[in-house]
All heavy atoms as atom14 arrays in JSON, in Angstrom:
{
  "sequence": "KGNGPGQFGASLHDLAVDSADNLYAVGDQEVKVLSPDGKLLRRWSTAK",
  "atom14_mask": [
    [1, 1, 1, 1, 1, 1, 1, 1, 1, 0, 0, 0, 0, 0],
    [1, 1, 1, 1, 0, 0, 0, 0, 0, 0, 0, 0, 0, 0],
    [1, 1, 1, 1, 1, 1, 1, 1, 0, 0, 0, 0, 0, 0],
    [1, 1, 1, 1, 0, 0, 0, 0, 0, 0, 0, 0, 0, 0],
    [1, 1, 1, 1, 1, 1, 1, 0, 0, 0, 0, 0, 0, 0],
    [1, 1, 1, 1, 0, 0, 0, 0, 0, 0, 0, 0, 0, 0],
    [1, 1, 1, 1, 1, 1, 1, 1, 1, 0, 0, 0, 0, 0],
    [1, 1, 1, 1, 1, 1, 1, 1, 1, 1, 1, 0, 0, 0],
    [1, 1, 1, 1, 0, 0, 0, 0, 0, 0, 0, 0, 0, 0],
    [1, 1, 1, 1, 1, 0, 0, 0, 0, 0, 0, 0, 0, 0],
    [1, 1, 1, 1, 1, 1, 0, 0, 0, 0, 0, 0, 0, 0],
    [1, 1, 1, 1, 1, 1, 1, 1, 0, 0, 0, 0, 0, 0],
    [1, 1, 1, 1, 1, 1, 1, 1, 1, 1, 0, 0, 0, 0],
    [1, 1, 1, 1, 1, 1, 1, 1, 0, 0, 0, 0, 0, 0],
    [1, 1, 1, 1, 1, 1, 1, 1, 0, 0, 0, 0, 0, 0],
    [1, 1, 1, 1, 1, 0, 0, 0, 0, 0, 0, 0, 0, 0],
    [1, 1, 1, 1, 1, 1, 1, 0, 0, 0, 0, 0, 0, 0],
    [1, 1, 1, 1, 1, 1, 1, 1, 0, 0, 0, 0, 0, 0],
    [1, 1, 1, 1, 1, 1, 0, 0, 0, 0, 0, 0, 0, 0],
    [1, 1, 1, 1, 1, 0, 0, 0, 0, 0, 0, 0, 0, 0],
    [1, 1, 1, 1, 1, 1, 1, 1, 0, 0, 0, 0, 0, 0],
    [1, 1, 1, 1, 1, 1, 1, 1, 0, 0, 0, 0, 0, 0],
    [1, 1, 1, 1, 1, 1, 1, 1, 0, 0, 0, 0, 0, 0],
    [1, 1, 1, 1, 1, 1, 1, 1, 1, 1, 1, 1, 0, 0],
    [1, 1, 1, 1, 1, 0, 0, 0, 0, 0, 0, 0, 0, 0],
    [1, 1, 1, 1, 1, 1, 1, 0, 0, 0, 0, 0, 0, 0],
    [1, 1, 1, 1, 0, 0, 0, 0, 0, 0, 0, 0, 0, 0],
    [1, 1, 1, 1, 1, 1, 1, 1, 0, 0, 0, 0, 0, 0],
    [1, 1, 1, 1, 1, 1, 1, 1, 1, 0, 0, 0, 0, 0],
    [1, 1, 1, 1, 1, 1, 1, 1, 1, 0, 0, 0, 0, 0],
    [1, 1, 1, 1, 1, 1, 1, 0, 0, 0, 0, 0, 0, 0],
    [1, 1, 1, 1, 1, 1, 1, 1, 1, 0, 0, 0, 0, 0],
    [1, 1, 1, 1, 1, 1, 1, 0, 0, 0, 0, 0, 0, 0],
    [1, 1, 1, 1, 1, 1, 1, 1, 0, 0, 0, 0, 0, 0],
    [1, 1, 1, 1, 1, 1, 0, 0, 0, 0, 0, 0, 0, 0],
    [1, 1, 1, 1, 1, 1, 1, 0, 0, 0, 0, 0, 0, 0],
    [1, 1, 1, 1, 1, 1, 1, 1, 0, 0, 0, 0, 0, 0],
    [1, 1, 1, 1, 0, 0, 0, 0, 0, 0, 0, 0, 0, 0],
    [1, 1, 1, 1, 1, 1, 1, 1, 1, 0, 0, 0, 0, 0],
    [1, 1, 1, 1, 1, 1, 1, 1, 0, 0, 0, 0, 0, 0],
    [1, 1, 1, 1, 1, 1, 1, 1, 0, 0, 0, 0, 0, 0],
    [1, 1, 1, 1, 1, 1, 1, 1, 1, 1, 1, 0, 0, 0],
    [1, 1, 1, 1, 1, 1, 1, 1, 1, 1, 1, 0, 0, 0],
    [1, 1, 1, 1, 1, 1, 1, 1, 1, 1, 1, 1, 1, 1],
    [1, 1, 1, 1, 1, 1, 0, 0, 0, 0, 0, 0, 0, 0],
    [1, 1, 1, 1, 1, 1, 1, 0, 0, 0, 0, 0, 0, 0],
    [1, 1, 1, 1, 1, 0, 0, 0, 0, 0, 0, 0, 0, 0],
    [1, 1, 1, 1, 1, 1, 1, 1, 1, 0, 0, 0, 0, 0]
  ],
  "atom14_positions": [
    [[37.54, -5.56, 157.52], [36.57, -6.22, 158.39], [35.58, -7.01, 157.57], [35.0, -6.52, 156.61], [35.85, -5.18, 159.25], [34.95, -5.77, 160.32], [34.33, -4.68, 161.19], [35.38, -3.98, 162.02], [34.78, -3.03, 162.99], [0.0, 0.0, 0.0], [0.0, 0.0, 0.0], [0.0, 0.0, 0.0], [0.0, 0.0, 0.0], [0.0, 0.0, 0.0]],
    [[35.37, -8.27, 157.97], [34.42, -9.11, 157.26], [34.62, -10.57, 157.59], [35.47, -10.94, 158.41], [0.0, 0.0, 0.0], [0.0, 0.0, 0.0], [0.0, 0.0, 0.0], [0.0, 0.0, 0.0], [0.0, 0.0, 0.0], [0.0, 0.0, 0.0], [0.0, 0.0, 0.0], [0.0, 0.0, 0.0], [0.0, 0.0, 0.0], [0.0, 0.0, 0.0]],
    [[33.86, -11.42, 156.91], [33.91, -12.86, 157.15], [34.65, -13.63, 156.08], [34.69, -14.87, 156.1], [32.49, -13.41, 157.28], [31.74, -12.81, 158.46], [32.3, -12.65, 159.53], [30.47, -12.47, 158.24], [0.0, 0.0, 0.0], [0.0, 0.0, 0.0], [0.0, 0.0, 0.0], [0.0, 0.0, 0.0], [0.0, 0.0, 0.0], [0.0, 0.0, 0.0]],
    [[35.25, -12.94, 155.12], [35.97, -13.61, 154.06], [37.26, -14.22, 154.56], [37.78, -13.84, 155.62], [0.0, 0.0, 0.0], [0.0, 0.0, 0.0], [0.0, 0.0, 0.0], [0.0, 0.0, 0.0], [0.0, 0.0, 0.0], [0.0, 0.0, 0.0], [0.0, 0.0, 0.0], [0.0, 0.0, 0.0], [0.0, 0.0, 0.0], [0.0, 0.0, 0.0]],
    [[37.84, -15.16, 153.82], [39.07, -15.83, 154.26], [40.24, -14.88, 154.46], [41.13, -15.14, 155.28], [39.35, -16.85, 153.15], [38.54, -16.41, 151.99], [37.36, -15.7, 152.54], [0.0, 0.0, 0.0], [0.0, 0.0, 0.0], [0.0, 0.0, 0.0], [0.0, 0.0, 0.0], [0.0, 0.0, 0.0], [0.0, 0.0, 0.0], [0.0, 0.0, 0.0]],
    [[40.29, -13.78, 153.73], [41.37, -12.82, 153.86], [41.04, -11.63, 154.74], [41.79, -10.65, 154.75], [0.0, 0.0, 0.0], [0.0, 0.0, 0.0], [0.0, 0.0, 0.0], [0.0, 0.0, 0.0], [0.0, 0.0, 0.0], [0.0, 0.0, 0.0], [0.0, 0.0, 0.0], [0.0, 0.0, 0.0], [0.0, 0.0, 0.0], [0.0, 0.0, 0.0]],
    [[39.94, -11.71, 155.48], [39.5, -10.61, 156.32], [39.54, -10.99, 157.8], [39.72, -12.17, 158.15], [38.08, -10.18, 155.94], [37.95, -9.65, 154.52], [36.52, -9.31, 154.17], [35.62, -10.15, 154.26], [36.3, -8.07, 153.77], [0.0, 0.0, 0.0], [0.0, 0.0, 0.0], [0.0, 0.0, 0.0], [0.0, 0.0, 0.0], [0.0, 0.0, 0.0]],
    [[39.34, -9.99, 158.66], [39.26, -10.21, 160.1], [37.9, -9.76, 160.6], [37.38, -8.72, 160.18], [40.36, -9.45, 160.82], [41.74, -9.99, 160.56], [42.52, -9.46, 159.54], [42.25, -11.04, 161.31], [43.78, -9.97, 159.27], [43.51, -11.56, 161.05], [44.28, -11.02, 160.03], [0.0, 0.0, 0.0], [0.0, 0.0, 0.0], [0.0, 0.0, 0.0]],
    [[37.33, -10.55, 161.5], [35.99, -10.24, 161.97], [35.95, -9.35, 163.19], [35.03, -8.53, 163.34], [0.0, 0.0, 0.0], [0.0, 0.0, 0.0], [0.0, 0.0, 0.0], [0.0, 0.0, 0.0], [0.0, 0.0, 0.0], [0.0, 0.0, 0.0], [0.0, 0.0, 0.0], [0.0, 0.0, 0.0], [0.0, 0.0, 0.0], [0.0, 0.0, 0.0]],
    [[36.94, -9.48, 164.09], [36.85, -8.75, 165.35], [38.17, -8.12, 165.79], [38.15, -7.14, 166.52], [36.34, -9.68, 166.45], [0.0, 0.0, 0.0], [0.0, 0.0, 0.0], [0.0, 0.0, 0.0], [0.0, 0.0, 0.0], [0.0, 0.0, 0.0], [0.0, 0.0, 0.0], [0.0, 0.0, 0.0], [0.0, 0.0, 0.0], [0.0, 0.0, 0.0]],
    [[39.31, -8.68, 165.39], [40.57, -8.15, 165.92], [41.7, -8.35, 164.92], [41.71, -9.3, 164.13], [40.93, -8.85, 167.24], [41.18, -10.23, 167.04], [0.0, 0.0, 0.0], [0.0, 0.0, 0.0], [0.0, 0.0, 0.0], [0.0, 0.0, 0.0], [0.0, 0.0, 0.0], [0.0, 0.0, 0.0], [0.0, 0.0, 0.0], [0.0, 0.0, 0.0]],
    [[42.67, -7.43, 164.97], [43.91, -7.51, 164.2], [45.01, -6.96, 165.11], [45.08, -5.76, 165.37], [43.8, -6.68, 162.92], [45.06, -6.51, 162.08], [45.67, -7.84, 161.7], [44.77, -5.66, 160.84], [0.0, 0.0, 0.0], [0.0, 0.0, 0.0], [0.0, 0.0, 0.0], [0.0, 0.0, 0.0], [0.0, 0.0, 0.0], [0.0, 0.0, 0.0]],
    [[45.87, -7.84, 165.63], [46.78, -7.46, 166.69], [48.23, -7.24, 166.26], [48.9, -6.36, 166.8], [46.77, -8.51, 167.8], [45.52, -8.51, 168.61], [45.14, -7.43, 169.39], [44.55, -9.45, 168.78], [44.0, -7.71, 170.01], [43.62, -8.92, 169.64], [0.0, 0.0, 0.0], [0.0, 0.0, 0.0], [0.0, 0.0, 0.0], [0.0, 0.0, 0.0]],
    [[48.75, -8.05, 165.34], [50.18, -7.92, 165.06], [50.5, -8.32, 163.64], [49.74, -9.04, 162.98], [50.99, -8.77, 166.04], [52.44, -8.3, 166.15], [52.74, -7.16, 165.76], [53.28, -9.08, 166.64], [0.0, 0.0, 0.0], [0.0, 0.0, 0.0], [0.0, 0.0, 0.0], [0.0, 0.0, 0.0], [0.0, 0.0, 0.0], [0.0, 0.0, 0.0]],
    [[51.69, -7.85, 163.17], [52.18, -8.11, 161.82], [53.64, -8.53, 161.88], [54.39, -8.14, 162.78], [52.08, -6.85, 160.96], [50.71, -6.17, 160.84], [50.87, -4.85, 160.08], [49.73, -7.08, 160.13], [0.0, 0.0, 0.0], [0.0, 0.0, 0.0], [0.0, 0.0, 0.0], [0.0, 0.0, 0.0], [0.0, 0.0, 0.0], [0.0, 0.0, 0.0]],
    [[54.06, -9.32, 160.9], [55.46, -9.7, 160.74], [55.72, -9.98, 159.28], [54.79, -10.3, 158.53], [55.79, -10.93, 161.58], [0.0, 0.0, 0.0], [0.0, 0.0, 0.0], [0.0, 0.0, 0.0], [0.0, 0.0, 0.0], [0.0, 0.0, 0.0], [0.0, 0.0, 0.0], [0.0, 0.0, 0.0], [0.0, 0.0, 0.0], [0.0, 0.0, 0.0]],
    [[56.99, -9.85, 158.87], [57.37, -10.25, 157.51], [58.49, -11.28, 157.61], [59.29, -11.26, 158.54], [57.83, -9.05, 156.66], [56.68, -8.11, 156.38], [58.97, -8.3, 157.33], [0.0, 0.0, 0.0], [0.0, 0.0, 0.0], [0.0, 0.0, 0.0], [0.0, 0.0, 0.0], [0.0, 0.0, 0.0], [0.0, 0.0, 0.0], [0.0, 0.0, 0.0]],
    [[58.52, -12.21, 156.65], [59.58, -13.21, 156.64], [60.66, -12.83, 155.64], [60.62, -11.75, 155.03], [59.01, -14.61, 156.38], [58.4, -14.78, 154.99], [58.63, -13.92, 154.11], [57.68, -15.79, 154.79], [0.0, 0.0, 0.0], [0.0, 0.0, 0.0], [0.0, 0.0, 0.0], [0.0, 0.0, 0.0], [0.0, 0.0, 0.0], [0.0, 0.0, 0.0]],
    [[61.63, -13.7, 155.44], [62.77, -13.4, 154.58], [62.39, -13.28, 153.11], [63.14, -12.73, 152.31], [63.86, -14.46, 154.75], [63.34, -15.75, 154.42], [0.0, 0.0, 0.0], [0.0, 0.0, 0.0], [0.0, 0.0, 0.0], [0.0, 0.0, 0.0], [0.0, 0.0, 0.0], [0.0, 0.0, 0.0], [0.0, 0.0, 0.0], [0.0, 0.0, 0.0]],
    [[61.2, -13.8, 152.74], [60.72, -13.68, 151.36], [59.72, -12.53, 151.21], [59.06, -12.41, 150.18], [60.07, -14.99, 150.92], [0.0, 0.0, 0.0], [0.0, 0.0, 0.0], [0.0, 0.0, 0.0], [0.0, 0.0, 0.0], [0.0, 0.0, 0.0], [0.0, 0.0, 0.0], [0.0, 0.0, 0.0], [0.0, 0.0, 0.0], [0.0, 0.0, 0.0]],
    [[59.6, -11.69, 152.24], [58.69, -10.55, 152.26], [57.22, -10.95, 152.27], [56.35, -10.15, 151.92], [58.95, -9.59, 151.1], [60.2, -8.74, 151.34], [60.62, -8.64, 152.51], [60.73, -8.18, 150.36], [0.0, 0.0, 0.0], [0.0, 0.0, 0.0], [0.0, 0.0, 0.0], [0.0, 0.0, 0.0], [0.0, 0.0, 0.0], [0.0, 0.0, 0.0]],
    [[56.92, -12.19, 152.67], [55.53, -12.54, 152.92], [55.1, -11.89, 154.23], [55.89, -11.77, 155.17], [55.36, -14.06, 153.02], [55.64, -14.75, 151.71], [55.15, -14.35, 150.66], [56.47, -15.79, 151.76], [0.0, 0.0, 0.0], [0.0, 0.0, 0.0], [0.0, 0.0, 0.0], [0.0, 0.0, 0.0], [0.0, 0.0, 0.0], [0.0, 0.0, 0.0]],
    [[53.84, -11.48, 154.3], [53.32, -10.77, 155.46], [52.46, -11.71, 156.3], [51.59, -12.41, 155.77], [52.46, -9.58, 155.0], [51.79, -8.76, 156.1], [52.83, -8.01, 156.93], [50.77, -7.8, 155.49], [0.0, 0.0, 0.0], [0.0, 0.0, 0.0], [0.0, 0.0, 0.0], [0.0, 0.0, 0.0], [0.0, 0.0, 0.0], [0.0, 0.0, 0.0]],
    [[52.72, -11.73, 157.61], [51.95, -12.53, 158.55], [51.13, -11.6, 159.43], [51.66, -10.62, 159.98], [52.89, -13.37, 159.43], [53.64, -14.44, 158.68], [54.62, -14.11, 157.75], [53.37, -15.79, 158.89], [55.31, -15.08, 157.04], [54.06, -16.78, 158.19], [55.02, -16.41, 157.27], [55.7, -17.38, 156.58], [0.0, 0.0, 0.0], [0.0, 0.0, 0.0]],
    [[49.84, -11.9, 159.56], [48.95, -11.09, 160.39], [48.22, -12.01, 161.35], [47.75, -13.09, 160.96], [47.95, -10.33, 159.52], [0.0, 0.0, 0.0], [0.0, 0.0, 0.0], [0.0, 0.0, 0.0], [0.0, 0.0, 0.0], [0.0, 0.0, 0.0], [0.0, 0.0, 0.0], [0.0, 0.0, 0.0], [0.0, 0.0, 0.0], [0.0, 0.0, 0.0]],
    [[48.12, -11.59, 162.61], [47.43, -12.4, 163.61], [46.27, -11.61, 164.2], [46.38, -10.44, 164.51], [48.41, -12.88, 164.71], [48.92, -11.72, 165.55], [47.76, -13.93, 165.6], [0.0, 0.0, 0.0], [0.0, 0.0, 0.0], [0.0, 0.0, 0.0], [0.0, 0.0, 0.0], [0.0, 0.0, 0.0], [0.0, 0.0, 0.0], [0.0, 0.0, 0.0]],
    [[45.14, -12.3, 164.31], [43.92, -11.74, 164.87], [42.81, -12.77, 164.75], [42.96, -13.77, 164.03], [0.0, 0.0, 0.0], [0.0, 0.0, 0.0], [0.0, 0.0, 0.0], [0.0, 0.0, 0.0], [0.0, 0.0, 0.0], [0.0, 0.0, 0.0], [0.0, 0.0, 0.0], [0.0, 0.0, 0.0], [0.0, 0.0, 0.0], [0.0, 0.0, 0.0]],
    [[41.72, -12.57, 165.48], [40.58, -13.51, 165.39], [40.98, -14.96, 165.68], [40.39, -15.89, 165.11], [39.95, -13.46, 164.0], [39.11, -12.22, 163.77], [38.93, -11.44, 164.71], [38.66, -12.03, 162.63], [0.0, 0.0, 0.0], [0.0, 0.0, 0.0], [0.0, 0.0, 0.0], [0.0, 0.0, 0.0], [0.0, 0.0, 0.0], [0.0, 0.0, 0.0]],
    [[41.99, -15.18, 166.5], [42.45, -16.53, 166.82], [42.9, -17.26, 165.55], [42.65, -18.46, 165.38], [41.35, -17.32, 167.55], [41.88, -18.47, 168.4], [40.86, -18.97, 169.41], [40.03, -18.21, 169.92], [40.9, -20.25, 169.7], [0.0, 0.0, 0.0], [0.0, 0.0, 0.0], [0.0, 0.0, 0.0], [0.0, 0.0, 0.0], [0.0, 0.0, 0.0]],
    [[43.61, -16.52, 164.68], [44.04, -17.08, 163.41], [45.26, -16.33, 162.9], [45.43, -15.13, 163.15], [42.9, -16.98, 162.39], [43.15, -17.73, 161.09], [41.93, -17.74, 160.2], [41.32, -16.66, 160.0], [41.57, -18.82, 159.68], [0.0, 0.0, 0.0], [0.0, 0.0, 0.0], [0.0, 0.0, 0.0], [0.0, 0.0, 0.0], [0.0, 0.0, 0.0]],
    [[46.11, -17.05, 162.16], [47.23, -16.45, 161.44], [46.9, -16.47, 159.96], [46.47, -17.5, 159.42], [48.54, -17.23, 161.69], [49.67, -16.65, 160.83], [48.92, -17.2, 163.16], [0.0, 0.0, 0.0], [0.0, 0.0, 0.0], [0.0, 0.0, 0.0], [0.0, 0.0, 0.0], [0.0, 0.0, 0.0], [0.0, 0.0, 0.0], [0.0, 0.0, 0.0]],
    [[47.1, -15.34, 159.29], [46.93, -15.26, 157.84], [48.26, -14.86, 157.23], [48.93, -13.96, 157.74], [45.85, -14.23, 157.47], [44.47, -14.54, 158.05], [43.45, -13.52, 157.6], [42.16, -13.62, 158.4], [41.43, -14.86, 158.19], [0.0, 0.0, 0.0], [0.0, 0.0, 0.0], [0.0, 0.0, 0.0], [0.0, 0.0, 0.0], [0.0, 0.0, 0.0]],
    [[48.63, -15.53, 156.13], [49.89, -15.25, 155.44], [49.56, -14.71, 154.05], [48.83, -15.34, 153.28], [50.76, -16.52, 155.31], [52.11, -16.16, 154.71], [50.93, -17.2, 156.67], [0.0, 0.0, 0.0], [0.0, 0.0, 0.0], [0.0, 0.0, 0.0], [0.0, 0.0, 0.0], [0.0, 0.0, 0.0], [0.0, 0.0, 0.0], [0.0, 0.0, 0.0]],
    [[50.11, -13.52, 153.75], [49.86, -12.86, 152.48], [51.16, -12.74, 151.69], [52.23, -12.51, 152.27], [49.28, -11.46, 152.7], [48.05, -11.35, 153.61], [47.68, -9.9, 153.82], [46.88, -12.12, 153.01], [0.0, 0.0, 0.0], [0.0, 0.0, 0.0], [0.0, 0.0, 0.0], [0.0, 0.0, 0.0], [0.0, 0.0, 0.0], [0.0, 0.0, 0.0]],
    [[51.08, -12.88, 150.38], [52.24, -12.7, 149.52], [52.6, -11.22, 149.44], [51.81, -10.36, 149.84], [51.92, -13.24, 148.12], [50.94, -12.41, 147.5], [0.0, 0.0, 0.0], [0.0, 0.0, 0.0], [0.0, 0.0, 0.0], [0.0, 0.0, 0.0], [0.0, 0.0, 0.0], [0.0, 0.0, 0.0], [0.0, 0.0, 0.0], [0.0, 0.0, 0.0]],
    [[53.78, -10.88, 148.91], [54.16, -9.47, 148.79], [53.16, -8.63, 147.98], [53.08, -7.42, 148.19], [55.52, -9.52, 148.09], [56.09, -10.84, 148.51], [54.91, -11.77, 148.57], [0.0, 0.0, 0.0], [0.0, 0.0, 0.0], [0.0, 0.0, 0.0], [0.0, 0.0, 0.0], [0.0, 0.0, 0.0], [0.0, 0.0, 0.0], [0.0, 0.0, 0.0]],
    [[52.4, -9.25, 147.1], [51.4, -8.49, 146.35], [50.02, -8.55, 147.0], [49.04, -8.09, 146.41], [51.33, -8.97, 144.89], [50.94, -10.44, 144.76], [50.67, -11.09, 145.8], [50.9, -10.95, 143.62], [0.0, 0.0, 0.0], [0.0, 0.0, 0.0], [0.0, 0.0, 0.0], [0.0, 0.0, 0.0], [0.0, 0.0, 0.0], [0.0, 0.0, 0.0]],
    [[49.93, -9.12, 148.19], [48.68, -9.07, 148.95], [47.78, -10.27, 148.79], [46.67, -10.3, 149.35], [0.0, 0.0, 0.0], [0.0, 0.0, 0.0], [0.0, 0.0, 0.0], [0.0, 0.0, 0.0], [0.0, 0.0, 0.0], [0.0, 0.0, 0.0], [0.0, 0.0, 0.0], [0.0, 0.0, 0.0], [0.0, 0.0, 0.0], [0.0, 0.0, 0.0]],
    [[48.21, -11.31, 148.08], [47.37, -12.5, 147.89], [47.43, -13.39, 149.13], [48.5, -13.62, 149.69], [47.86, -13.27, 146.67], [47.09, -14.56, 146.4], [47.67, -15.31, 145.22], [46.96, -16.63, 144.98], [47.55, -17.38, 143.84], [0.0, 0.0, 0.0], [0.0, 0.0, 0.0], [0.0, 0.0, 0.0], [0.0, 0.0, 0.0], [0.0, 0.0, 0.0]],
    [[46.27, -13.89, 149.58], [46.24, -14.81, 150.72], [46.85, -16.14, 150.32], [46.38, -16.82, 149.4], [44.8, -15.01, 151.19], [44.62, -15.96, 152.39], [45.27, -15.38, 153.64], [43.14, -16.25, 152.64], [0.0, 0.0, 0.0], [0.0, 0.0, 0.0], [0.0, 0.0, 0.0], [0.0, 0.0, 0.0], [0.0, 0.0, 0.0], [0.0, 0.0, 0.0]],
    [[47.92, -16.54, 151.01], [48.62, -17.79, 150.71], [48.12, -18.94, 151.55], [47.94, -20.06, 151.06], [50.13, -17.6, 150.93], [50.82, -16.56, 150.06], [52.3, -16.45, 150.45], [50.69, -16.91, 148.58], [0.0, 0.0, 0.0], [0.0, 0.0, 0.0], [0.0, 0.0, 0.0], [0.0, 0.0, 0.0], [0.0, 0.0, 0.0], [0.0, 0.0, 0.0]],
    [[47.93, -18.7, 152.84], [47.45, -19.74, 153.75], [46.98, -19.09, 155.05], [47.29, -17.93, 155.32], [48.54, -20.78, 154.04], [49.85, -20.22, 154.51], [50.95, -21.28, 154.47], [52.26, -20.73, 154.8], [53.07, -20.14, 153.91], [52.69, -20.05, 152.64], [54.25, -19.67, 154.28], [0.0, 0.0, 0.0], [0.0, 0.0, 0.0], [0.0, 0.0, 0.0]],
    [[46.28, -19.87, 155.84], [45.77, -19.4, 157.12], [45.6, -20.59, 158.03], [45.39, -21.71, 157.56], [44.43, -18.67, 156.94], [43.39, -19.46, 156.16], [42.24, -18.57, 155.68], [41.28, -18.31, 156.73], [39.99, -18.69, 156.68], [39.54, -19.37, 155.64], [39.18, -18.39, 157.64], [0.0, 0.0, 0.0], [0.0, 0.0, 0.0], [0.0, 0.0, 0.0]],
    [[45.72, -20.37, 159.32], [45.49, -21.46, 160.27], [45.06, -20.89, 161.61], [45.31, -19.73, 161.92], [46.72, -22.34, 160.41], [47.94, -21.7, 161.01], [48.22, -21.52, 162.33], [49.06, -21.16, 160.3], [49.43, -20.91, 162.51], [49.98, -20.69, 161.28], [49.39, -21.05, 158.95], [51.19, -20.09, 160.93], [50.59, -20.46, 158.62], [51.47, -19.99, 159.59]],
    [[44.42, -21.74, 162.39], [43.89, -21.32, 163.7], [44.95, -21.46, 164.78], [45.87, -22.28, 164.68], [42.66, -22.16, 164.06], [41.62, -21.98, 163.13], [0.0, 0.0, 0.0], [0.0, 0.0, 0.0], [0.0, 0.0, 0.0], [0.0, 0.0, 0.0], [0.0, 0.0, 0.0], [0.0, 0.0, 0.0], [0.0, 0.0, 0.0], [0.0, 0.0, 0.0]],
    [[44.79, -20.68, 165.84], [45.62, -20.78, 167.03], [44.75, -21.23, 168.2], [43.53, -21.06, 168.18], [46.28, -19.43, 167.36], [45.28, -18.43, 167.51], [47.23, -19.02, 166.23], [0.0, 0.0, 0.0], [0.0, 0.0, 0.0], [0.0, 0.0, 0.0], [0.0, 0.0, 0.0], [0.0, 0.0, 0.0], [0.0, 0.0, 0.0], [0.0, 0.0, 0.0]],
    [[45.4, -21.78, 169.23], [44.64, -22.32, 170.35], [43.92, -21.24, 171.13], [42.82, -21.45, 171.66], [45.57, -23.1, 171.29], [0.0, 0.0, 0.0], [0.0, 0.0, 0.0], [0.0, 0.0, 0.0], [0.0, 0.0, 0.0], [0.0, 0.0, 0.0], [0.0, 0.0, 0.0], [0.0, 0.0, 0.0], [0.0, 0.0, 0.0], [0.0, 0.0, 0.0]],
    [[44.53, -20.06, 171.22], [43.96, -18.91, 171.9], [44.11, -17.69, 171.0], [44.87, -17.74, 170.03], [44.69, -18.64, 173.23], [44.57, -19.73, 174.28], [45.33, -19.32, 175.54], [45.22, -20.36, 176.64], [45.95, -19.91, 177.87], [0.0, 0.0, 0.0], [0.0, 0.0, 0.0], [0.0, 0.0, 0.0], [0.0, 0.0, 0.0], [0.0, 0.0, 0.0]]
  ]
}
């Protein structure tokens, strides 16, 4: 929980992994993509 780029401020709803074992997390009206070692790779906003 927090305001940092790799944190969530209010919600964390779902997780997924891709074929390269990158982790996708959705919450706070945003998608965050983490590498297998936990490094934030990218993030983007969703409409809702």
